[in-house]
Amino acid sequence: MITKKRKEANAKIEADKAYSLKEASALVKEINTTKFDSSVDLHIRLGVDPKKADQAVRGTVSLPHGTGKTKKVLVLCTPDKEEAAKTAGADFVGLDEFITKIEGGWTDIDVIIATPSVMPKIGRLGKVLGPRNLMPNPKTGTVTNDVVAAINDVKGGKIAFKVDKVGIVHASIGRVSFSSEKIEANSRELINAIIKLKPATSKGIYLKALSMASTMSPGIAIDTKSVQN
């Protein structure tokens, strides 16, 4: 059953219209139906074949206005780096005890940062961490000896993204409490980062479709031409 609020939200979106990014960033606030500070997400369909290794688009981007969410960070490292990680703001720091907890199903964190020397121990956690997109990876800056810089990046609004198996990138770029200008700026930063990663082997239209939505609210189609410089 569709609620009254959802019906009202649906009525504010013109059928078959593709909005500009600026329009969508304002409209997503207007049609929000939740009482809490909802996440604002972008869904970007790319003209790639994710099954091909050279077309599996993934990367990181630092959103200029952050995500509006305080991320819980676990740092897996040797004892000599633990104090620096704690001082930098890591929520959890250690190694063996957390590996045991994760093997038992614990994943109450948003990002895991690891030093290269401990990666052999973490490898066996792939079955638990992989599906949750939590596995540390050098490409996203989460496997590094400079754990302090990595923590600062994550806490400061750096997000990782990757195309899923059907060719779509899903990413949270803010909250509905953000101004429309901040939502637009964060969105544009992510989109530009993805455009720059266009694989050389990708043929045809790269940015195929784009939509924005807040939690439990209808999606807003965005004109892809409005985001390409």
C-alpha atoms as a PDB file:
ATOM      1  CA  MET A   1       0.000   0.000   0.000  1.00  0.00           C
ATOM      2  CA  ILE A   2       1.352   3.414  -0.981  1.00  0.00           C
ATOM      3  CA  THR A   3       1.269   5.934   1.871  1.00  0.00           C
ATOM      4  CA  LYS A   4      -0.216   9.409   1.551  1.00  0.00           C
ATOM      5  CA  LYS A   5       3.240  10.974   1.839  1.00  0.00           C
ATOM      6  CA  ARG A   6       4.608   8.737  -0.902  1.00  0.00           C
ATOM      7  CA  LYS A   7       1.684   9.627  -3.187  1.00  0.00           C
ATOM      8  CA  GLU A   8       2.364  13.321  -2.595  1.00  0.00           C
ATOM      9  CA  ALA A   9       6.064  12.811  -3.335  1.00  0.00           C
ATOM     10  CA  ASN A  10       5.299  10.877  -6.531  1.00  0.00           C
ATOM     11  CA  ALA A  11       2.981  13.672  -7.670  1.00  0.00           C
ATOM     12  CA  LYS A  12       5.816  16.205  -7.498  1.00  0.00           C
ATOM     13  CA  ILE A  13       7.903  14.282 -10.022  1.00  0.00           C
ATOM     14  CA  GLU A  14       6.979  14.793 -13.677  1.00  0.00           C
ATOM     15  CA  ALA A  15       6.643  11.510 -15.518  1.00  0.00           C
ATOM     16  CA  ASP A  16       9.200  10.932 -18.259  1.00  0.00           C
ATOM     17  CA  LYS A  17      11.132  14.094 -17.353  1.00  0.00           C
ATOM     18  CA  ALA A  18      14.897  14.025 -16.911  1.00  0.00           C
ATOM     19  CA  TYR A  19      15.840  16.809 -14.510  1.00  0.00           C
ATOM     20  CA  SER A  20      19.071  18.773 -14.441  1.00  0.00           C
ATOM     21  CA  LEU A  21      21.422  17.926 -11.580  1.00  0.00           C
ATOM     22  CA  LYS A  22      20.643  21.310 -10.024  1.00  0.00           C
ATOM     23  CA  GLU A  23      16.885  20.677 -10.181  1.00  0.00           C
ATOM     24  CA  ALA A  24      17.205  17.145  -8.809  1.00  0.00           C
ATOM     25  CA  SER A  25      19.355  18.332  -5.893  1.00  0.00           C
ATOM     26  CA  ALA A  26      16.560  20.682  -4.807  1.00  0.00           C
ATOM     27  CA  LEU A  27      13.701  18.286  -5.560  1.00  0.00           C
ATOM     28  CA  VAL A  28      15.209  15.399  -3.561  1.00  0.00           C
ATOM     29  CA  LYS A  29      14.845  17.539  -0.422  1.00  0.00           C
ATOM     30  CA  GLU A  30      11.274  18.512  -1.265  1.00  0.00           C
ATOM     31  CA  ILE A  31       9.997  14.954  -1.777  1.00  0.00           C
ATOM     32  CA  ASN A  32      11.713  13.334   1.209  1.00  0.00           C
ATOM     33  CA  THR A  33       9.140  11.334   3.193  1.00  0.00           C
ATOM     34  CA  THR A  34      11.122  10.270   6.276  1.00  0.00           C
ATOM     35  CA  LYS A  35      11.277  11.912   9.700  1.00  0.00           C
ATOM     36  CA  PHE A  36      14.990  11.108  10.054  1.00  0.00           C
ATOM     37  CA  ASP A  37      17.917  12.635   8.175  1.00  0.00           C
ATOM     38  CA  SER A  38      17.819  10.402   5.114  1.00  0.00           C
ATOM     39  CA  SER A  39      20.796   9.485   3.009  1.00  0.00           C
ATOM     40  CA  VAL A  40      20.874  10.907  -0.523  1.00  0.00           C
ATOM     41  CA  ASP A  41      22.120   8.369  -3.048  1.00  0.00           C
ATOM     42  CA  LEU A  42      23.187   8.469  -6.676  1.00  0.00           C
ATOM     43  CA  HIS A  43      22.664   5.528  -9.015  1.00  0.00           C
ATOM     44  CA  ILE A  44      24.753   5.708 -12.170  1.00  0.00           C
ATOM     45  CA  ARG A  45      24.334   3.188 -15.005  1.00  0.00           C
ATOM     46  CA  LEU A  46      27.479   2.844 -17.095  1.00  0.00           C
ATOM     47  CA  GLY A  47      28.019   1.472 -20.568  1.00  0.00           C
ATOM     48  CA  VAL A  48      30.585  -1.086 -19.437  1.00  0.00           C
ATOM     49  CA  ASP A  49      30.850  -4.857 -19.101  1.00  0.00           C
ATOM     50  CA  PRO A  50      31.838  -5.394 -15.443  1.00  0.00           C
ATOM     51  CA  LYS A  51      32.769  -9.017 -16.221  1.00  0.00           C
ATOM     52  CA  LYS A  52      35.775  -7.712 -18.120  1.00  0.00           C
ATOM     53  CA  ALA A  53      38.594  -6.812 -15.730  1.00  0.00           C
ATOM     54  CA  ASP A  54      39.551  -3.687 -17.670  1.00  0.00           C
ATOM     55  CA  GLN A  55      35.966  -2.365 -17.458  1.00  0.00           C
ATOM     56  CA  ALA A  56      35.357  -2.970 -13.739  1.00  0.00           C
ATOM     57  CA  VAL A  57      35.210   0.728 -12.849  1.00  0.00           C
ATOM     58  CA  ARG A  58      36.195   1.447  -9.252  1.00  0.00           C
ATOM     59  CA  GLY A  59      37.896   4.233  -7.352  1.00  0.00           C
ATOM     60  CA  THR A  60      37.658   6.778  -4.569  1.00  0.00           C
ATOM     61  CA  VAL A  61      36.626  10.402  -4.357  1.00  0.00           C
ATOM     62  CA  SER A  62      36.720  13.011  -1.597  1.00  0.00           C
ATOM     63  CA  LEU A  63      33.347  14.716  -1.417  1.00  0.00           C
ATOM     64  CA  PRO A  64      33.780  18.462  -0.814  1.00  0.00           C
ATOM     65  CA  HIS A  65      31.057  18.523   1.846  1.00  0.00           C
ATOM     66  CA  GLY A  66      31.523  15.022   3.281  1.00  0.00           C
ATOM     67  CA  THR A  67      28.797  12.391   3.512  1.00  0.00           C
ATOM     68  CA  GLY A  68      27.097  13.686   6.627  1.00  0.00           C
ATOM     69  CA  LYS A  69      27.714  10.309   8.228  1.00  0.00           C
ATOM     70  CA  THR A  70      30.350   9.522  10.834  1.00  0.00           C
ATOM     71  CA  LYS A  71      32.039   6.386   9.567  1.00  0.00           C
ATOM     72  CA  LYS A  72      33.243   3.699  11.957  1.00  0.00           C
ATOM     73  CA  VAL A  73      36.810   2.780  11.021  1.00  0.00           C
ATOM     74  CA  LEU A  74      38.711  -0.375  11.932  1.00  0.00           C
ATOM     75  CA  VAL A  75      42.489  -0.355  11.492  1.00  0.00           C
ATOM     76  CA  LEU A  76      44.205  -3.725  11.265  1.00  0.00           C
ATOM     77  CA  CYS A  77      47.896  -3.217  11.892  1.00  0.00           C
ATOM     78  CA  THR A  78      50.983  -4.234  13.842  1.00  0.00           C
ATOM     79  CA  PRO A  79      51.394  -2.934  17.435  1.00  0.00           C
ATOM     80  CA  ASP A  80      53.838  -0.193  16.421  1.00  0.00           C
ATOM     81  CA  LYS A  81      51.110   1.649  14.479  1.00  0.00           C
ATOM     82  CA  GLU A  82      48.265   1.205  16.936  1.00  0.00           C
ATOM     83  CA  GLU A  83      48.815   4.375  18.967  1.00  0.00           C
ATOM     84  CA  ALA A  84      49.006   6.586  15.869  1.00  0.00           C
ATOM     85  CA  ALA A  85      45.805   5.031  14.508  1.00  0.00           C
ATOM     86  CA  LYS A  86      43.954   5.642  17.778  1.00  0.00           C
ATOM     87  CA  THR A  87      45.171   9.241  17.952  1.00  0.00           C
ATOM     88  CA  ALA A  88      44.018   9.826  14.355  1.00  0.00           C
ATOM     89  CA  GLY A  89      40.492   8.810  15.300  1.00  0.00           C
ATOM     90  CA  ALA A  90      40.159   5.119  14.399  1.00  0.00           C
ATOM     91  CA  ASP A  91      37.201   3.570  16.219  1.00  0.00           C
ATOM     92  CA  PHE A  92      38.805   0.140  16.498  1.00  0.00           C
ATOM     93  CA  VAL A  93      42.489  -0.782  16.326  1.00  0.00           C
ATOM     94  CA  GLY A  94      44.144  -4.185  16.574  1.00  0.00           C
ATOM     95  CA  LEU A  95      44.654  -7.360  14.593  1.00  0.00           C
ATOM     96  CA  ASP A  96      44.169 -10.928  15.766  1.00  0.00           C
ATOM     97  CA  GLU A  97      41.214 -10.245  18.065  1.00  0.00           C
ATOM     98  CA  PHE A  98      39.349  -8.435  15.264  1.00  0.00           C
ATOM     99  CA  ILE A  99      40.163 -11.123  12.708  1.00  0.00           C
ATOM    100  CA  THR A 100      38.552 -13.625  15.102  1.00  0.00           C
ATOM    101  CA  LYS A 101      35.515 -11.359  15.578  1.00  0.00           C
ATOM    102  CA  ILE A 102      35.061 -10.926  11.818  1.00  0.00           C
ATOM    103  CA  GLU A 103      35.347 -14.670  11.262  1.00  0.00           C
ATOM    104  CA  GLY A 104      32.514 -14.961  13.767  1.00  0.00           C
ATOM    105  CA  GLY A 105      30.365 -12.621  11.669  1.00  0.00           C
ATOM    106  CA  TRP A 106      31.104  -9.212  13.205  1.00  0.00           C
ATOM    107  CA  THR A 107      31.021  -6.425  10.608  1.00  0.00           C
ATOM    108  CA  ASP A 108      29.808  -3.430  12.605  1.00  0.00           C
ATOM    109  CA  ILE A 109      32.166  -1.054  10.791  1.00  0.00           C
ATOM    110  CA  ASP A 110      32.008   1.068   7.660  1.00  0.00           C
ATOM    111  CA  VAL A 111      35.654   0.980   6.518  1.00  0.00           C
ATOM    112  CA  ILE A 112      38.624  -1.289   7.213  1.00  0.00           C
ATOM    113  CA  ILE A 113      42.144   0.069   6.766  1.00  0.00           C
ATOM    114  CA  ALA A 114      45.081  -2.348   6.850  1.00  0.00           C
ATOM    115  CA  THR A 115      48.854  -2.142   6.563  1.00  0.00           C
ATOM    116  CA  PRO A 116      50.454  -4.219   3.768  1.00  0.00           C
ATOM    117  CA  SER A 117      52.324  -6.449   6.247  1.00  0.00           C
ATOM    118  CA  VAL A 118      49.121  -7.844   7.774  1.00  0.00           C
ATOM    119  CA  MET A 119      47.282  -8.511   4.493  1.00  0.00           C
ATOM    120  CA  PRO A 120      48.333 -12.196   4.389  1.00  0.00           C
ATOM    121  CA  LYS A 121      46.422 -12.696   7.643  1.00  0.00           C
ATOM    122  CA  ILE A 122      43.367 -10.842   6.351  1.00  0.00           C
ATOM    123  CA  GLY A 123      43.120 -12.732   3.063  1.00  0.00           C
ATOM    124  CA  ARG A 124      41.000 -15.482   4.543  1.00  0.00           C
ATOM    125  CA  LEU A 125      38.345 -12.940   5.541  1.00  0.00           C
ATOM    126  CA  GLY A 126      37.410 -12.347   1.895  1.00  0.00           C
ATOM    127  CA  LYS A 127      34.216 -14.417   2.085  1.00  0.00           C
ATOM    128  CA  VAL A 128      32.901 -12.246   4.908  1.00  0.00           C
ATOM    129  CA  LEU A 129      34.252  -8.850   3.847  1.00  0.00           C
ATOM    130  CA  GLY A 130      34.034  -9.131   0.043  1.00  0.00           C
ATOM    131  CA  PRO A 131      30.219  -9.173  -0.296  1.00  0.00           C
ATOM    132  CA  ARG A 132      30.007  -6.215   2.112  1.00  0.00           C
ATOM    133  CA  ASN A 133      32.595  -4.199   0.162  1.00  0.00           C
ATOM    134  CA  LEU A 134      34.758  -4.013   3.283  1.00  0.00           C
ATOM    135  CA  MET A 135      37.886  -5.791   2.059  1.00  0.00           C
ATOM    136  CA  PRO A 136      40.919  -3.465   2.232  1.00  0.00           C
ATOM    137  CA  ASN A 137      42.261  -2.676  -1.224  1.00  0.00           C
ATOM    138  CA  PRO A 138      45.298  -0.668  -2.399  1.00  0.00           C
ATOM    139  CA  LYS A 139      43.197   0.857  -5.205  1.00  0.00           C
ATOM    140  CA  THR A 140      40.892   2.518  -2.676  1.00  0.00           C
ATOM    141  CA  GLY A 141      43.706   3.629  -0.374  1.00  0.00           C
ATOM    142  CA  THR A 142      42.714   1.245   2.414  1.00  0.00           C
ATOM    143  CA  VAL A 143      45.899  -0.825   2.230  1.00  0.00           C
ATOM    144  CA  THR A 144      48.662   1.555   3.252  1.00  0.00           C
ATOM    145  CA  ASN A 145      51.463   2.141   5.722  1.00  0.00           C
ATOM    146  CA  ASP A 146      50.230   5.704   6.235  1.00  0.00           C
ATOM    147  CA  VAL A 147      47.207   4.771   8.326  1.00  0.00           C
ATOM    148  CA  VAL A 148      46.865   8.309   9.703  1.00  0.00           C
ATOM    149  CA  ALA A 149      46.338   9.820   6.245  1.00  0.00           C
ATOM    150  CA  ALA A 150      43.899   7.030   5.340  1.00  0.00           C
ATOM    151  CA  ILE A 151      41.857   7.632   8.511  1.00  0.00           C
ATOM    152  CA  ASN A 152      41.775  11.376   7.828  1.00  0.00           C
ATOM    153  CA  ASP A 153      40.561  10.718   4.271  1.00  0.00           C
ATOM    154  CA  VAL A 154      37.738   8.436   5.395  1.00  0.00           C
ATOM    155  CA  LYS A 155      36.624  10.650   8.267  1.00  0.00           C
ATOM    156  CA  GLY A 156      36.863  13.695   6.004  1.00  0.00           C
ATOM    157  CA  GLY A 157      34.422  12.455   3.369  1.00  0.00           C
ATOM    158  CA  LYS A 158      36.416  10.172   1.102  1.00  0.00           C
ATOM    159  CA  ILE A 159      34.235   7.399  -0.306  1.00  0.00           C
ATOM    160  CA  ALA A 160      34.980   4.324  -2.374  1.00  0.00           C
ATOM    161  CA  PHE A 161      32.782   3.287  -5.293  1.00  0.00           C
ATOM    162  CA  LYS A 162      32.665   0.439  -7.768  1.00  0.00           C
ATOM    163  CA  VAL A 163      30.411  -0.729 -10.539  1.00  0.00           C
ATOM    164  CA  ASP A 164      28.216  -3.701  -9.626  1.00  0.00           C
ATOM    165  CA  LYS A 165      27.668  -6.826 -11.710  1.00  0.00           C
ATOM    166  CA  VAL A 166      24.935  -5.192 -13.810  1.00  0.00           C
ATOM    167  CA  GLY A 167      26.914  -2.029 -14.562  1.00  0.00           C
ATOM    168  CA  ILE A 168      25.581   0.380 -11.936  1.00  0.00           C
ATOM    169  CA  VAL A 169      27.478   2.477  -9.386  1.00  0.00           C
ATOM    170  CA  HIS A 170      25.509   3.132  -6.185  1.00  0.00           C
ATOM    171  CA  ALA A 171      26.890   5.739  -3.773  1.00  0.00           C
ATOM    172  CA  SER A 172      25.725   7.876  -0.872  1.00  0.00           C
ATOM    173  CA  ILE A 173      26.646  11.523  -1.479  1.00  0.00           C
ATOM    174  CA  GLY A 174      25.072  13.298   1.494  1.00  0.00           C
ATOM    175  CA  ARG A 175      21.941  13.755   3.605  1.00  0.00           C
ATOM    176  CA  VAL A 176      18.640  15.509   2.955  1.00  0.00           C
ATOM    177  CA  SER A 177      19.584  18.061   5.621  1.00  0.00           C
ATOM    178  CA  PHE A 178      22.349  19.292   3.273  1.00  0.00           C
ATOM    179  CA  SER A 179      21.597  22.377   1.197  1.00  0.00           C
ATOM    180  CA  SER A 180      20.739  21.676  -2.431  1.00  0.00           C
ATOM    181  CA  GLU A 181      24.027  23.359  -3.378  1.00  0.00           C
ATOM    182  CA  LYS A 182      26.034  20.890  -1.277  1.00  0.00           C
ATOM    183  CA  ILE A 183      24.106  17.920  -2.678  1.00  0.00           C
ATOM    184  CA  GLU A 184      24.791  19.148  -6.206  1.00  0.00           C
ATOM    185  CA  ALA A 185      28.501  19.772  -5.512  1.00  0.00           C
ATOM    186  CA  ASN A 186      29.023  16.335  -3.955  1.00  0.00           C
ATOM    187  CA  SER A 187      27.130  14.678  -6.805  1.00  0.00           C
ATOM    188  CA  ARG A 188      29.149  16.462  -9.447  1.00  0.00           C
ATOM    189  CA  GLU A 189      32.417  15.489  -7.731  1.00  0.00           C
ATOM    190  CA  LEU A 190      31.462  11.794  -7.807  1.00  0.00           C
ATOM    191  CA  ILE A 191      30.191  11.910 -11.391  1.00  0.00           C
ATOM    192  CA  ASN A 192      33.335  13.659 -12.627  1.00  0.00           C
ATOM    193  CA  ALA A 193      35.512  11.070 -10.885  1.00  0.00           C
ATOM    194  CA  ILE A 194      33.606   8.281 -12.640  1.00  0.00           C
ATOM    195  CA  ILE A 195      33.782  10.017 -16.023  1.00  0.00           C
ATOM    196  CA  LYS A 196      37.579  10.281 -15.683  1.00  0.00           C
ATOM    197  CA  LEU A 197      37.753   6.516 -15.154  1.00  0.00           C
ATOM    198  CA  LYS A 198      36.072   5.647 -18.453  1.00  0.00           C
ATOM    199  CA  PRO A 199      37.808   2.474 -19.704  1.00  0.00           C
ATOM    200  CA  ALA A 200      39.500   2.770 -23.091  1.00  0.00           C
ATOM    201  CA  THR A 201      37.729  -0.436 -24.151  1.00  0.00           C
ATOM    202  CA  SER A 202      34.258   0.874 -23.308  1.00  0.00           C
ATOM    203  CA  LYS A 203      32.339   1.510 -26.536  1.00  0.00           C
ATOM    204  CA  GLY A 204      29.252   3.597 -27.132  1.00  0.00           C
ATOM    205  CA  ILE A 205      27.568   5.713 -24.470  1.00  0.00           C
ATOM    206  CA  TYR A 206      29.477   5.590 -21.173  1.00  0.00           C
ATOM    207  CA  LEU A 207      27.115   7.524 -18.873  1.00  0.00           C
ATOM    208  CA  LYS A 208      23.862   5.777 -19.796  1.00  0.00           C
ATOM    209  CA  ALA A 209      21.486   6.768 -16.996  1.00  0.00           C
ATOM    210  CA  LEU A 210      21.554   8.679 -13.736  1.00  0.00           C
ATOM    211  CA  SER A 211      19.103   8.981 -10.870  1.00  0.00           C
ATOM    212  CA  MET A 212      18.999  10.434  -7.368  1.00  0.00           C
ATOM    213  CA  ALA A 213      16.912   9.320  -4.401  1.00  0.00           C
ATOM    214  CA  SER A 214      16.739   9.684  -0.657  1.00  0.00           C
ATOM    215  CA  THR A 215      15.912   6.794   1.667  1.00  0.00           C
ATOM    216  CA  MET A 216      12.366   5.465   1.095  1.00  0.00           C
ATOM    217  CA  SER A 217      11.570   8.215  -1.424  1.00  0.00           C
ATOM    218  CA  PRO A 218      11.007   7.965  -5.196  1.00  0.00           C
ATOM    219  CA  GLY A 219      13.918   8.247  -7.597  1.00  0.00           C
ATOM    220  CA  ILE A 220      14.522  11.304  -9.748  1.00  0.00           C
ATOM    221  CA  ALA A 221      15.819  10.773 -13.280  1.00  0.00           C
ATOM    222  CA  ILE A 222      18.659  13.140 -14.191  1.00  0.00           C
ATOM    223  CA  ASP A 223      19.580  14.290 -17.678  1.00  0.00           C
ATOM    224  CA  THR A 224      23.076  12.911 -18.250  1.00  0.00           C
ATOM    225  CA  LYS A 225      23.861  15.826 -20.562  1.00  0.00           C
ATOM    226  CA  SER A 226      23.466  18.222 -17.604  1.00  0.00           C
ATOM    227  CA  VAL A 227      26.448  16.690 -15.802  1.00  0.00           C
ATOM    228  CA  GLN A 228      28.927  16.382 -18.650  1.00  0.00           C
ATOM    229  CA  ASN A 229      31.244  19.299 -19.255  1.00  0.00           C
END
